[in-house]
Amino acid sequence: MTENDAVYTKDKKRLVVFVNNEAEEFKIPYGVEIIGAESFSKREKIKILTIPDTITAIESNAFERCYSLEKLEIPNSIESIKECFQEASSLKEITIDKPKGSITGSPWGCVYGERAIKWLR
């Protein structure tokens, strides 16, 4: 299923790939539960990404080479994050609405490491 520059599974619970290489902003629709592997990989111009509180997992390499992404807010609905921020060289702030260490594997490949992670609880 394709809608607003993104491909989803038929039930629209998994974002498979964001296809717009020129977009600077994208709001993941409410109801999507999984940001799929490599779904935003090489979307070099994306700066602002809104993640709804229906997302429970971010898969491998989801934000690999998102060079323009500077900050990301991750809702408390997230249960799993795989290594997904490789080469996102501008990503200096990842705010997570969960207790510190509640999601294993941080900083998930973030170039700035743990100093980029801000746990809110």
PDB file of N, CA and C in Angstrom:
ATOM      1  N   MET A   1       0.847  -1.169   0.000  1.00  0.00           N
ATOM      2  CA  MET A   1       0.000   0.000   0.000  1.00  0.00           C
ATOM      3  C   MET A   1       0.900   1.242   0.000  1.00  0.00           C
ATOM      4  N   THR A   2       0.638   2.170  -0.898  1.00  0.00           N
ATOM      5  CA  THR A   2       1.418   3.400  -0.981  1.00  0.00           C
ATOM      6  C   THR A   2       0.537   4.586  -0.615  1.00  0.00           C
ATOM      7  N   GLU A   3       1.083   5.462   0.239  1.00  0.00           N
ATOM      8  CA  GLU A   3       0.337   6.638   0.666  1.00  0.00           C
ATOM      9  C   GLU A   3       1.323   7.710   1.135  1.00  0.00           C
ATOM     10  N   ASN A   4       1.161   8.932   0.665  1.00  0.00           N
ATOM     11  CA  ASN A   4       1.984  10.067   1.093  1.00  0.00           C
ATOM     12  C   ASN A   4       3.479   9.764   1.101  1.00  0.00           C
ATOM     13  N   ASP A   5       4.009   9.330  -0.030  1.00  0.00           N
ATOM     14  CA  ASP A   5       5.446   9.086  -0.212  1.00  0.00           C
ATOM     15  C   ASP A   5       6.004   7.917   0.587  1.00  0.00           C
ATOM     16  N   ALA A   6       5.158   7.031   1.069  1.00  0.00           N
ATOM     17  CA  ALA A   6       5.642   5.880   1.833  1.00  0.00           C
ATOM     18  C   ALA A   6       4.895   4.613   1.408  1.00  0.00           C
ATOM     19  N   VAL A   7       5.603   3.504   1.556  1.00  0.00           N
ATOM     20  CA  VAL A   7       5.021   2.193   1.275  1.00  0.00           C
ATOM     21  C   VAL A   7       4.831   1.485   2.611  1.00  0.00           C
ATOM     22  N   TYR A   8       3.645   0.918   2.799  1.00  0.00           N
ATOM     23  CA  TYR A   8       3.284   0.225   4.037  1.00  0.00           C
ATOM     24  C   TYR A   8       2.845  -1.202   3.703  1.00  0.00           C
ATOM     25  N   THR A   9       2.829  -2.060   4.711  1.00  0.00           N
ATOM     26  CA  THR A   9       2.200  -3.354   4.528  1.00  0.00           C
ATOM     27  C   THR A   9       0.703  -3.111   4.334  1.00  0.00           C
ATOM     28  N   LYS A  10       0.014  -4.111   3.826  1.00  0.00           N
ATOM     29  CA  LYS A  10      -1.408  -3.974   3.518  1.00  0.00           C
ATOM     30  C   LYS A  10      -2.231  -3.519   4.723  1.00  0.00           C
ATOM     31  N   ASP A  11      -1.876  -4.012   5.921  1.00  0.00           N
ATOM     32  CA  ASP A  11      -2.611  -3.624   7.129  1.00  0.00           C
ATOM     33  C   ASP A  11      -2.145  -2.282   7.699  1.00  0.00           C
ATOM     34  N   LYS A  12      -1.159  -1.679   7.054  1.00  0.00           N
ATOM     35  CA  LYS A  12      -0.591  -0.368   7.403  1.00  0.00           C
ATOM     36  C   LYS A  12       0.015  -0.333   8.818  1.00  0.00           C
ATOM     37  N   LYS A  13       0.489  -1.477   9.284  1.00  0.00           N
ATOM     38  CA  LYS A  13       1.131  -1.526  10.601  1.00  0.00           C
ATOM     39  C   LYS A  13       2.644  -1.407  10.508  1.00  0.00           C
ATOM     40  N   ARG A  14       3.213  -1.626   9.325  1.00  0.00           N
ATOM     41  CA  ARG A  14       4.660  -1.526   9.127  1.00  0.00           C
ATOM     42  C   ARG A  14       4.954  -0.541   8.001  1.00  0.00           C
ATOM     43  N   LEU A  15       5.805   0.434   8.289  1.00  0.00           N
ATOM     44  CA  LEU A  15       6.291   1.328   7.255  1.00  0.00           C
ATOM     45  C   LEU A  15       7.461   0.609   6.599  1.00  0.00           C
ATOM     46  N   VAL A  16       7.335   0.292   5.327  1.00  0.00           N
ATOM     47  CA  VAL A  16       8.343  -0.485   4.618  1.00  0.00           C
ATOM     48  C   VAL A  16       9.446   0.417   4.080  1.00  0.00           C
ATOM     49  N   VAL A  17       9.073   1.490   3.397  1.00  0.00           N
ATOM     50  CA  VAL A  17      10.078   2.412   2.850  1.00  0.00           C
ATOM     51  C   VAL A  17       9.451   3.783   2.592  1.00  0.00           C
ATOM     52  N   PHE A  18      10.220   4.803   2.907  1.00  0.00           N
ATOM     53  CA  PHE A  18       9.850   6.182   2.581  1.00  0.00           C
ATOM     54  C   PHE A  18      10.540   6.481   1.260  1.00  0.00           C
ATOM     55  N   VAL A  19       9.786   6.827   0.226  1.00  0.00           N
ATOM     56  CA  VAL A  19      10.346   6.896  -1.123  1.00  0.00           C
ATOM     57  C   VAL A  19      10.761   8.290  -1.591  1.00  0.00           C
ATOM     58  N   ASN A  20      10.440   9.320  -0.860  1.00  0.00           N
ATOM     59  CA  ASN A  20      10.743  10.685  -1.296  1.00  0.00           C
ATOM     60  C   ASN A  20      12.165  11.078  -0.874  1.00  0.00           C
ATOM     61  N   ASN A  21      13.064  11.145  -1.831  1.00  0.00           N
ATOM     62  CA  ASN A  21      14.465  11.497  -1.550  1.00  0.00           C
ATOM     63  C   ASN A  21      14.680  12.987  -1.311  1.00  0.00           C
ATOM     64  N   GLU A  22      13.708  13.810  -1.609  1.00  0.00           N
ATOM     65  CA  GLU A  22      13.849  15.257  -1.490  1.00  0.00           C
ATOM     66  C   GLU A  22      13.160  15.839  -0.255  1.00  0.00           C
ATOM     67  N   ALA A  23      12.328  15.065   0.407  1.00  0.00           N
ATOM     68  CA  ALA A  23      11.556  15.565   1.548  1.00  0.00           C
ATOM     69  C   ALA A  23      12.449  15.918   2.733  1.00  0.00           C
ATOM     70  N   GLU A  24      12.104  17.009   3.397  1.00  0.00           N
ATOM     71  CA  GLU A  24      12.814  17.430   4.606  1.00  0.00           C
ATOM     72  C   GLU A  24      12.031  17.088   5.868  1.00  0.00           C
ATOM     73  N   GLU A  25      10.767  16.726   5.694  1.00  0.00           N
ATOM     74  CA  GLU A  25       9.905  16.460   6.846  1.00  0.00           C
ATOM     75  C   GLU A  25       8.924  15.342   6.511  1.00  0.00           C
ATOM     76  N   PHE A  26       8.633  14.520   7.527  1.00  0.00           N
ATOM     77  CA  PHE A  26       7.632  13.464   7.351  1.00  0.00           C
ATOM     78  C   PHE A  26       7.024  13.122   8.696  1.00  0.00           C
ATOM     79  N   LYS A  27       5.712  12.943   8.684  1.00  0.00           N
ATOM     80  CA  LYS A  27       4.988  12.535   9.885  1.00  0.00           C
ATOM     81  C   LYS A  27       4.464  11.120   9.654  1.00  0.00           C
ATOM     82  N   ILE A  28       4.981  10.174  10.431  1.00  0.00           N
ATOM     83  CA  ILE A  28       4.517   8.798  10.317  1.00  0.00           C
ATOM     84  C   ILE A  28       3.075   8.759  10.818  1.00  0.00           C
ATOM     85  N   PRO A  29       2.175   8.176  10.048  1.00  0.00           N
ATOM     86  CA  PRO A  29       0.765   8.161  10.443  1.00  0.00           C
ATOM     87  C   PRO A  29       0.509   7.373  11.729  1.00  0.00           C
ATOM     88  N   TYR A  30      -0.451   7.847  12.495  1.00  0.00           N
ATOM     89  CA  TYR A  30      -0.893   7.161  13.705  1.00  0.00           C
ATOM     90  C   TYR A  30      -1.430   5.795  13.297  1.00  0.00           C
ATOM     91  N   GLY A  31      -1.074   4.776  14.037  1.00  0.00           N
ATOM     92  CA  GLY A  31      -1.514   3.419  13.743  1.00  0.00           C
ATOM     93  C   GLY A  31      -0.387   2.536  13.246  1.00  0.00           C
ATOM     94  N   VAL A  32       0.638   3.145  12.645  1.00  0.00           N
ATOM     95  CA  VAL A  32       1.804   2.378  12.212  1.00  0.00           C
ATOM     96  C   VAL A  32       2.525   1.901  13.470  1.00  0.00           C
ATOM     97  N   GLU A  33       2.926   0.632  13.506  1.00  0.00           N
ATOM     98  CA  GLU A  33       3.552   0.051  14.687  1.00  0.00           C
ATOM     99  C   GLU A  33       5.049  -0.205  14.543  1.00  0.00           C
ATOM    100  N   ILE A  34       5.512  -0.405  13.309  1.00  0.00           N
ATOM    101  CA  ILE A  34       6.918  -0.756  13.093  1.00  0.00           C
ATOM    102  C   ILE A  34       7.517   0.124  12.006  1.00  0.00           C
ATOM    103  N   ILE A  35       8.687   0.702  12.308  1.00  0.00           N
ATOM    104  CA  ILE A  35       9.476   1.396  11.303  1.00  0.00           C
ATOM    105  C   ILE A  35      10.437   0.328  10.776  1.00  0.00           C
ATOM    106  N   GLY A  36      10.211  -0.101   9.557  1.00  0.00           N
ATOM    107  CA  GLY A  36      10.926  -1.237   8.989  1.00  0.00           C
ATOM    108  C   GLY A  36      12.397  -0.999   8.723  1.00  0.00           C
ATOM    109  N   ALA A  37      13.113  -2.094   8.554  1.00  0.00           N
ATOM    110  CA  ALA A  37      14.544  -2.064   8.263  1.00  0.00           C
ATOM    111  C   ALA A  37      14.814  -1.242   7.005  1.00  0.00           C
ATOM    112  N   GLU A  38      15.767  -0.331   7.115  1.00  0.00           N
ATOM    113  CA  GLU A  38      16.216   0.531   6.018  1.00  0.00           C
ATOM    114  C   GLU A  38      15.114   1.421   5.441  1.00  0.00           C
ATOM    115  N   SER A  39      14.031   1.627   6.167  1.00  0.00           N
ATOM    116  CA  SER A  39      12.897   2.378   5.631  1.00  0.00           C
ATOM    117  C   SER A  39      13.203   3.842   5.309  1.00  0.00           C
ATOM    118  N   PHE A  40      14.123   4.460   6.042  1.00  0.00           N
ATOM    119  CA  PHE A  40      14.531   5.839   5.747  1.00  0.00           C
ATOM    120  C   PHE A  40      15.997   5.906   5.332  1.00  0.00           C
ATOM    121  N   SER A  41      16.601   4.778   5.089  1.00  0.00           N
ATOM    122  CA  SER A  41      18.016   4.711   4.725  1.00  0.00           C
ATOM    123  C   SER A  41      18.308   5.567   3.495  1.00  0.00           C
ATOM    124  N   LYS A  42      19.331   6.381   3.605  1.00  0.00           N
ATOM    125  CA  LYS A  42      19.802   7.252   2.524  1.00  0.00           C
ATOM    126  C   LYS A  42      18.832   8.363   2.154  1.00  0.00           C
ATOM    127  N   ARG A  43      17.909   8.694   3.028  1.00  0.00           N
ATOM    128  CA  ARG A  43      17.038   9.858   2.810  1.00  0.00           C
ATOM    129  C   ARG A  43      17.785  11.037   3.424  1.00  0.00           C
ATOM    130  N   GLU A  44      18.767  11.501   2.680  1.00  0.00           N
ATOM    131  CA  GLU A  44      19.762  12.442   3.172  1.00  0.00           C
ATOM    132  C   GLU A  44      19.225  13.820   3.534  1.00  0.00           C
ATOM    133  N   LYS A  45      18.066  14.205   3.034  1.00  0.00           N
ATOM    134  CA  LYS A  45      17.537  15.550   3.280  1.00  0.00           C
ATOM    135  C   LYS A  45      16.521  15.609   4.411  1.00  0.00           C
ATOM    136  N   ILE A  46      16.092  14.466   4.918  1.00  0.00           N
ATOM    137  CA  ILE A  46      15.074  14.466   5.971  1.00  0.00           C
ATOM    138  C   ILE A  46      15.625  15.111   7.237  1.00  0.00           C
ATOM    139  N   LYS A  47      14.935  16.149   7.728  1.00  0.00           N
ATOM    140  CA  LYS A  47      15.363  16.885   8.923  1.00  0.00           C
ATOM    141  C   LYS A  47      14.429  16.636  10.100  1.00  0.00           C
ATOM    142  N   ILE A  48      13.137  16.567   9.805  1.00  0.00           N
ATOM    143  CA  ILE A  48      12.131  16.448  10.856  1.00  0.00           C
ATOM    144  C   ILE A  48      11.314  15.188  10.611  1.00  0.00           C
ATOM    145  N   LEU A  49      11.285  14.332  11.618  1.00  0.00           N
ATOM    146  CA  LEU A  49      10.524  13.096  11.532  1.00  0.00           C
ATOM    147  C   LEU A  49       9.680  12.981  12.785  1.00  0.00           C
ATOM    148  N   THR A  50       8.379  12.860  12.610  1.00  0.00           N
ATOM    149  CA  THR A  50       7.466  12.733  13.742  1.00  0.00           C
ATOM    150  C   THR A  50       7.055  11.270  13.870  1.00  0.00           C
ATOM    151  N   ILE A  51       7.298  10.720  15.071  1.00  0.00           N
ATOM    152  CA  ILE A  51       6.989   9.318  15.344  1.00  0.00           C
ATOM    153  C   ILE A  51       5.798   9.264  16.303  1.00  0.00           C
ATOM    154  N   PRO A  52       4.691   8.611  15.894  1.00  0.00           N
ATOM    155  CA  PRO A  52       3.509   8.537  16.771  1.00  0.00           C
ATOM    156  C   PRO A  52       3.717   7.534  17.897  1.00  0.00           C
ATOM    157  N   ASP A  53       2.877   7.613  18.907  1.00  0.00           N
ATOM    158  CA  ASP A  53       3.003   6.705  20.046  1.00  0.00           C
ATOM    159  C   ASP A  53       2.394   5.329  19.792  1.00  0.00           C
ATOM    160  N   THR A  54       2.131   5.019  18.529  1.00  0.00           N
ATOM    161  CA  THR A  54       1.716   3.666  18.172  1.00  0.00           C
ATOM    162  C   THR A  54       2.912   2.813  17.735  1.00  0.00           C
ATOM    163  N   ILE A  55       4.046   3.445  17.514  1.00  0.00           N
ATOM    164  CA  ILE A  55       5.255   2.723  17.097  1.00  0.00           C
ATOM    165  C   ILE A  55       5.804   1.935  18.286  1.00  0.00           C
ATOM    166  N   THR A  56       6.076   0.650  18.063  1.00  0.00           N
ATOM    167  CA  THR A  56       6.636  -0.198  19.119  1.00  0.00           C
ATOM    168  C   THR A  56       8.052  -0.677  18.798  1.00  0.00           C
ATOM    169  N   ALA A  57       8.449  -0.595  17.527  1.00  0.00           N
ATOM    170  CA  ALA A  57       9.781  -1.088  17.148  1.00  0.00           C
ATOM    171  C   ALA A  57      10.378  -0.283  16.000  1.00  0.00           C
ATOM    172  N   ILE A  58      11.696  -0.111  16.078  1.00  0.00           N
ATOM    173  CA  ILE A  58      12.477   0.493  14.996  1.00  0.00           C
ATOM    174  C   ILE A  58      13.509  -0.557  14.607  1.00  0.00           C
ATOM    175  N   GLU A  59      13.463  -0.975  13.346  1.00  0.00           N
ATOM    176  CA  GLU A  59      14.318  -2.065  12.896  1.00  0.00           C
ATOM    177  C   GLU A  59      15.664  -1.580  12.361  1.00  0.00           C
ATOM    178  N   SER A  60      16.536  -2.524  12.075  1.00  0.00           N
ATOM    179  CA  SER A  60      17.921  -2.279  11.661  1.00  0.00           C
ATOM    180  C   SER A  60      18.036  -1.307  10.496  1.00  0.00           C
ATOM    181  N   ASN A  61      18.997  -0.412  10.634  1.00  0.00           N
ATOM    182  CA  ASN A  61      19.373   0.544   9.588  1.00  0.00           C
ATOM    183  C   ASN A  61      18.233   1.474   9.155  1.00  0.00           C
ATOM    184  N   ALA A  62      17.216   1.629   9.976  1.00  0.00           N
ATOM    185  CA  ALA A  62      16.050   2.443   9.605  1.00  0.00           C
ATOM    186  C   ALA A  62      16.426   3.880   9.252  1.00  0.00           C
ATOM    187  N   PHE A  63      17.412   4.449   9.947  1.00  0.00           N
ATOM    188  CA  PHE A  63      17.791   5.844   9.707  1.00  0.00           C
ATOM    189  C   PHE A  63      19.237   5.987   9.259  1.00  0.00           C
ATOM    190  N   GLU A  64      19.776   4.936   8.717  1.00  0.00           N
ATOM    191  CA  GLU A  64      21.152   4.930   8.214  1.00  0.00           C
ATOM    192  C   GLU A  64      21.319   6.009   7.140  1.00  0.00           C
ATOM    193  N   ARG A  65      22.354   6.801   7.279  1.00  0.00           N
ATOM    194  CA  ARG A  65      22.698   7.867   6.319  1.00  0.00           C
ATOM    195  C   ARG A  65      21.631   8.949   6.181  1.00  0.00           C
ATOM    196  N   CYS A  66      20.891   9.203   7.245  1.00  0.00           N
ATOM    197  CA  CYS A  66      19.974  10.347   7.270  1.00  0.00           C
ATOM    198  C   CYS A  66      20.806  11.530   7.757  1.00  0.00           C
ATOM    199  N   TYR A  67      21.631  12.047   6.886  1.00  0.00           N
ATOM    200  CA  TYR A  67      22.636  13.050   7.236  1.00  0.00           C
ATOM    201  C   TYR A  67      22.072  14.347   7.792  1.00  0.00           C
ATOM    202  N   SER A  68      20.857  14.711   7.443  1.00  0.00           N
ATOM    203  CA  SER A  68      20.282  15.991   7.875  1.00  0.00           C
ATOM    204  C   SER A  68      19.443  15.901   9.147  1.00  0.00           C
ATOM    205  N   LEU A  69      19.145  14.691   9.598  1.00  0.00           N
ATOM    206  CA  LEU A  69      18.338  14.496  10.796  1.00  0.00           C
ATOM    207  C   LEU A  69      19.146  14.920  12.027  1.00  0.00           C
ATOM    208  N   GLU A  70      18.669  15.937  12.750  1.00  0.00           N
ATOM    209  CA  GLU A  70      19.416  16.490  13.888  1.00  0.00           C
ATOM    210  C   GLU A  70      18.907  16.006  15.239  1.00  0.00           C
ATOM    211  N   LYS A  71      17.607  15.799  15.342  1.00  0.00           N
ATOM    212  CA  LYS A  71      17.036  15.325  16.602  1.00  0.00           C
ATOM    213  C   LYS A  71      15.827  14.463  16.327  1.00  0.00           C
ATOM    214  N   LEU A  72      15.545  13.598  17.294  1.00  0.00           N
ATOM    215  CA  LEU A  72      14.461  12.657  17.139  1.00  0.00           C
ATOM    216  C   LEU A  72      13.825  12.416  18.494  1.00  0.00           C
ATOM    217  N   GLU A  73      12.501  12.460  18.539  1.00  0.00           N
ATOM    218  CA  GLU A  73      11.767  12.168  19.771  1.00  0.00           C
ATOM    219  C   GLU A  73      11.134  10.792  19.630  1.00  0.00           C
ATOM    220  N   ILE A  74      11.462   9.917  20.570  1.00  0.00           N
ATOM    221  CA  ILE A  74      10.968   8.555  20.547  1.00  0.00           C
ATOM    222  C   ILE A  74       9.956   8.383  21.680  1.00  0.00           C
ATOM    223  N   PRO A  75       8.710   7.987  21.346  1.00  0.00           N
ATOM    224  CA  PRO A  75       7.662   7.871  22.364  1.00  0.00           C
ATOM    225  C   PRO A  75       7.872   6.673  23.293  1.00  0.00           C
ATOM    226  N   ASN A  76       7.159   6.663  24.401  1.00  0.00           N
ATOM    227  CA  ASN A  76       7.320   5.587  25.378  1.00  0.00           C
ATOM    228  C   ASN A  76       6.722   4.260  24.913  1.00  0.00           C
ATOM    229  N   SER A  77       6.029   4.247  23.793  1.00  0.00           N
ATOM    230  CA  SER A  77       5.476   3.005  23.253  1.00  0.00           C
ATOM    231  C   SER A  77       6.558   2.101  22.652  1.00  0.00           C
ATOM    232  N   ILE A  78       7.723   2.650  22.397  1.00  0.00           N
ATOM    233  CA  ILE A  78       8.822   1.881  21.786  1.00  0.00           C
ATOM    234  C   ILE A  78       9.315   0.804  22.742  1.00  0.00           C
ATOM    235  N   GLU A  79       9.362  -0.418  22.239  1.00  0.00           N
ATOM    236  CA  GLU A  79       9.849  -1.551  23.026  1.00  0.00           C
ATOM    237  C   GLU A  79      11.195  -2.048  22.521  1.00  0.00           C
ATOM    238  N   SER A  80      11.486  -1.809  21.233  1.00  0.00           N
ATOM    239  CA  SER A  80      12.693  -2.358  20.626  1.00  0.00           C
ATOM    240  C   SER A  80      13.277  -1.397  19.599  1.00  0.00           C
ATOM    241  N   ILE A  81      14.587  -1.171  19.702  1.00  0.00           N
ATOM    242  CA  ILE A  81      15.318  -0.386  18.716  1.00  0.00           C
ATOM    243  C   ILE A  81      16.543  -1.201  18.339  1.00  0.00           C
ATOM    244  N   LYS A  82      16.698  -1.426  17.058  1.00  0.00           N
ATOM    245  CA  LYS A  82      17.877  -2.128  16.554  1.00  0.00           C
ATOM    246  C   LYS A  82      18.928  -1.085  16.164  1.00  0.00           C
ATOM    247  N   GLU A  83      20.094  -1.517  15.787  1.00  0.00           N
ATOM    248  CA  GLU A  83      21.167  -0.635  15.307  1.00  0.00           C
ATOM    249  C   GLU A  83      20.628   0.120  14.097  1.00  0.00           C
ATOM    250  N   CYS A  84      20.305   1.406  14.253  1.00  0.00           N
ATOM    251  CA  CYS A  84      19.574   2.078  13.171  1.00  0.00           C
ATOM    252  C   CYS A  84      20.050   3.490  12.824  1.00  0.00           C
ATOM    253  N   PHE A  85      21.019   4.035  13.537  1.00  0.00           N
ATOM    254  CA  PHE A  85      21.416   5.426  13.302  1.00  0.00           C
ATOM    255  C   PHE A  85      22.805   5.574  12.670  1.00  0.00           C
ATOM    256  N   GLN A  86      23.323   4.534  12.030  1.00  0.00           N
ATOM    257  CA  GLN A  86      24.651   4.593  11.444  1.00  0.00           C
ATOM    258  C   GLN A  86      24.760   5.726  10.425  1.00  0.00           C
ATOM    259  N   GLU A  87      25.824   6.474  10.536  1.00  0.00           N
ATOM    260  CA  GLU A  87      26.161   7.564   9.623  1.00  0.00           C
ATOM    261  C   GLU A  87      25.131   8.692   9.593  1.00  0.00           C
ATOM    262  N   ALA A  88      24.247   8.754  10.566  1.00  0.00           N
ATOM    263  CA  ALA A  88      23.335   9.896  10.689  1.00  0.00           C
ATOM    264  C   ALA A  88      24.135  10.975  11.427  1.00  0.00           C
ATOM    265  N   SER A  89      25.064  11.559  10.711  1.00  0.00           N
ATOM    266  CA  SER A  89      26.119  12.383  11.310  1.00  0.00           C
ATOM    267  C   SER A  89      25.664  13.686  11.965  1.00  0.00           C
ATOM    268  N   SER A  90      24.455  14.140  11.711  1.00  0.00           N
ATOM    269  CA  SER A  90      23.948  15.357  12.356  1.00  0.00           C
ATOM    270  C   SER A  90      23.056  15.057  13.549  1.00  0.00           C
ATOM    271  N   LEU A  91      22.760  13.791  13.793  1.00  0.00           N
ATOM    272  CA  LEU A  91      21.848  13.403  14.865  1.00  0.00           C
ATOM    273  C   LEU A  91      22.524  13.550  16.222  1.00  0.00           C
ATOM    274  N   LYS A  92      22.241  14.688  16.870  1.00  0.00           N
ATOM    275  CA  LYS A  92      22.888  15.017  18.138  1.00  0.00           C
ATOM    276  C   LYS A  92      21.970  14.863  19.342  1.00  0.00           C
ATOM    277  N   GLU A  93      20.679  14.625  19.096  1.00  0.00           N
ATOM    278  CA  GLU A  93      19.745  14.513  20.216  1.00  0.00           C
ATOM    279  C   GLU A  93      18.657  13.490  19.923  1.00  0.00           C
ATOM    280  N   ILE A  94      18.605  12.457  20.763  1.00  0.00           N
ATOM    281  CA  ILE A  94      17.564  11.446  20.693  1.00  0.00           C
ATOM    282  C   ILE A  94      16.874  11.456  22.050  1.00  0.00           C
ATOM    283  N   THR A  95      15.665  11.968  22.090  1.00  0.00           N
ATOM    284  CA  THR A  95      14.909  12.063  23.327  1.00  0.00           C
ATOM    285  C   THR A  95      13.976  10.865  23.413  1.00  0.00           C
ATOM    286  N   ILE A  96      14.059  10.151  24.553  1.00  0.00           N
ATOM    287  CA  ILE A  96      13.262   8.942  24.728  1.00  0.00           C
ATOM    288  C   ILE A  96      12.417   9.076  25.984  1.00  0.00           C
ATOM    289  N   ASP A  97      11.117   8.929  25.822  1.00  0.00           N
ATOM    290  CA  ASP A  97      10.182   9.061  26.932  1.00  0.00           C
ATOM    291  C   ASP A  97      10.061   7.736  27.696  1.00  0.00           C
ATOM    292  N   LYS A  98      11.203   7.292  28.234  1.00  0.00           N
ATOM    293  CA  LYS A  98      11.276   6.040  28.993  1.00  0.00           C
ATOM    294  C   LYS A  98      12.399   6.171  30.024  1.00  0.00           C
ATOM    295  N   PRO A  99      12.447   5.253  30.990  1.00  0.00           N
ATOM    296  CA  PRO A  99      13.555   5.264  31.954  1.00  0.00           C
ATOM    297  C   PRO A  99      14.882   4.886  31.285  1.00  0.00           C
ATOM    298  N   LYS A 100      15.956   5.435  31.790  1.00  0.00           N
ATOM    299  CA  LYS A 100      17.287   5.166  31.254  1.00  0.00           C
ATOM    300  C   LYS A 100      17.562   3.666  31.218  1.00  0.00           C
ATOM    301  N   GLY A 101      18.053   3.214  30.083  1.00  0.00           N
ATOM    302  CA  GLY A 101      18.426   1.826  29.919  1.00  0.00           C
ATOM    303  C   GLY A 101      17.279   0.866  29.671  1.00  0.00           C
ATOM    304  N   SER A 102      16.062   1.369  29.530  1.00  0.00           N
ATOM    305  CA  SER A 102      14.909   0.483  29.367  1.00  0.00           C
ATOM    306  C   SER A 102      14.809  -0.129  27.975  1.00  0.00           C
ATOM    307  N   ILE A 103      15.575   0.399  27.034  1.00  0.00           N
ATOM    308  CA  ILE A 103      15.651  -0.182  25.694  1.00  0.00           C
ATOM    309  C   ILE A 103      17.117  -0.554  25.473  1.00  0.00           C
ATOM    310  N   THR A 104      17.388  -1.813  25.284  1.00  0.00           N
ATOM    311  CA  THR A 104      18.768  -2.271  25.179  1.00  0.00           C
ATOM    312  C   THR A 104      19.443  -1.813  23.890  1.00  0.00           C
ATOM    313  N   GLY A 105      20.764  -1.748  23.952  1.00  0.00           N
ATOM    314  CA  GLY A 105      21.568  -1.469  22.776  1.00  0.00           C
ATOM    315  C   GLY A 105      21.895  -0.020  22.519  1.00  0.00           C
ATOM    316  N   SER A 106      21.453   0.901  23.398  1.00  0.00           N
ATOM    317  CA  SER A 106      21.725   2.318  23.129  1.00  0.00           C
ATOM    318  C   SER A 106      23.231   2.534  23.062  1.00  0.00           C
ATOM    319  N   PRO A 107      23.681   3.364  22.182  1.00  0.00           N
ATOM    320  CA  PRO A 107      23.010   4.388  21.383  1.00  0.00           C
ATOM    321  C   PRO A 107      22.607   3.953  19.980  1.00  0.00           C
ATOM    322  N   TRP A 108      22.545   2.659  19.701  1.00  0.00           N
ATOM    323  CA  TRP A 108      22.021   2.132  18.447  1.00  0.00           C
ATOM    324  C   TRP A 108      22.737   2.650  17.205  1.00  0.00           C
ATOM    325  N   GLY A 109      24.033   2.820  17.312  1.00  0.00           N
ATOM    326  CA  GLY A 109      24.838   3.249  16.178  1.00  0.00           C
ATOM    327  C   GLY A 109      24.922   4.752  16.005  1.00  0.00           C
ATOM    328  N   CYS A 110      24.393   5.526  16.942  1.00  0.00           N
ATOM    329  CA  CYS A 110      24.449   6.986  16.848  1.00  0.00           C
ATOM    330  C   CYS A 110      25.904   7.453  16.919  1.00  0.00           C
ATOM    331  N   VAL A 111      26.290   8.294  15.989  1.00  0.00           N
ATOM    332  CA  VAL A 111      27.650   8.804  15.904  1.00  0.00           C
ATOM    333  C   VAL A 111      28.083   9.492  17.200  1.00  0.00           C
ATOM    334  N   TYR A 112      27.176  10.179  17.871  1.00  0.00           N
ATOM    335  CA  TYR A 112      27.508  10.919  19.091  1.00  0.00           C
ATOM    336  C   TYR A 112      27.378  10.069  20.354  1.00  0.00           C
ATOM    337  N   GLY A 113      27.059   8.806  20.191  1.00  0.00           N
ATOM    338  CA  GLY A 113      27.020   7.880  21.314  1.00  0.00           C
ATOM    339  C   GLY A 113      25.996   8.249  22.368  1.00  0.00           C
ATOM    340  N   GLU A 114      26.281   7.834  23.586  1.00  0.00           N
ATOM    341  CA  GLU A 114      25.358   8.043  24.712  1.00  0.00           C
ATOM    342  C   GLU A 114      25.091   9.518  25.010  1.00  0.00           C
ATOM    343  N   ARG A 115      26.027  10.400  24.681  1.00  0.00           N
ATOM    344  CA  ARG A 115      25.788  11.818  24.965  1.00  0.00           C
ATOM    345  C   ARG A 115      24.639  12.399  24.135  1.00  0.00           C
ATOM    346  N   ALA A 116      24.211  11.704  23.100  1.00  0.00           N
ATOM    347  CA  ALA A 116      23.079  12.158  22.286  1.00  0.00           C
ATOM    348  C   ALA A 116      21.740  11.703  22.871  1.00  0.00           C
ATOM    349  N   ILE A 117      21.782  10.698  23.745  1.00  0.00           N
ATOM    350  CA  ILE A 117      20.546  10.121  24.288  1.00  0.00           C
ATOM    351  C   ILE A 117      20.083  10.893  25.525  1.00  0.00           C
ATOM    352  N   LYS A 118      18.817  11.282  25.521  1.00  0.00           N
ATOM    353  CA  LYS A 118      18.210  11.949  26.677  1.00  0.00           C
ATOM    354  C   LYS A 118      17.018  11.123  27.115  1.00  0.00           C
ATOM    355  N   TRP A 119      17.173  10.422  28.231  1.00  0.00           N
ATOM    356  CA  TRP A 119      16.088   9.629  28.798  1.00  0.00           C
ATOM    357  C   TRP A 119      15.237  10.567  29.663  1.00  0.00           C
ATOM    358  N   LEU A 120      13.934  10.552  29.496  1.00  0.00           N
ATOM    359  CA  LEU A 120      13.077  11.496  30.215  1.00  0.00           C
ATOM    360  C   LEU A 120      12.536  10.988  31.531  1.00  0.00           C
ATOM    361  N   ARG A 121      12.720   9.727  31.864  1.00  0.00           N
ATOM    362  CA  ARG A 121      12.161   9.223  33.118  1.00  0.00           C
ATOM    363  C   ARG A 121      13.253   8.641  33.976  1.00  0.00           C
TER     364      ARG A 121
END
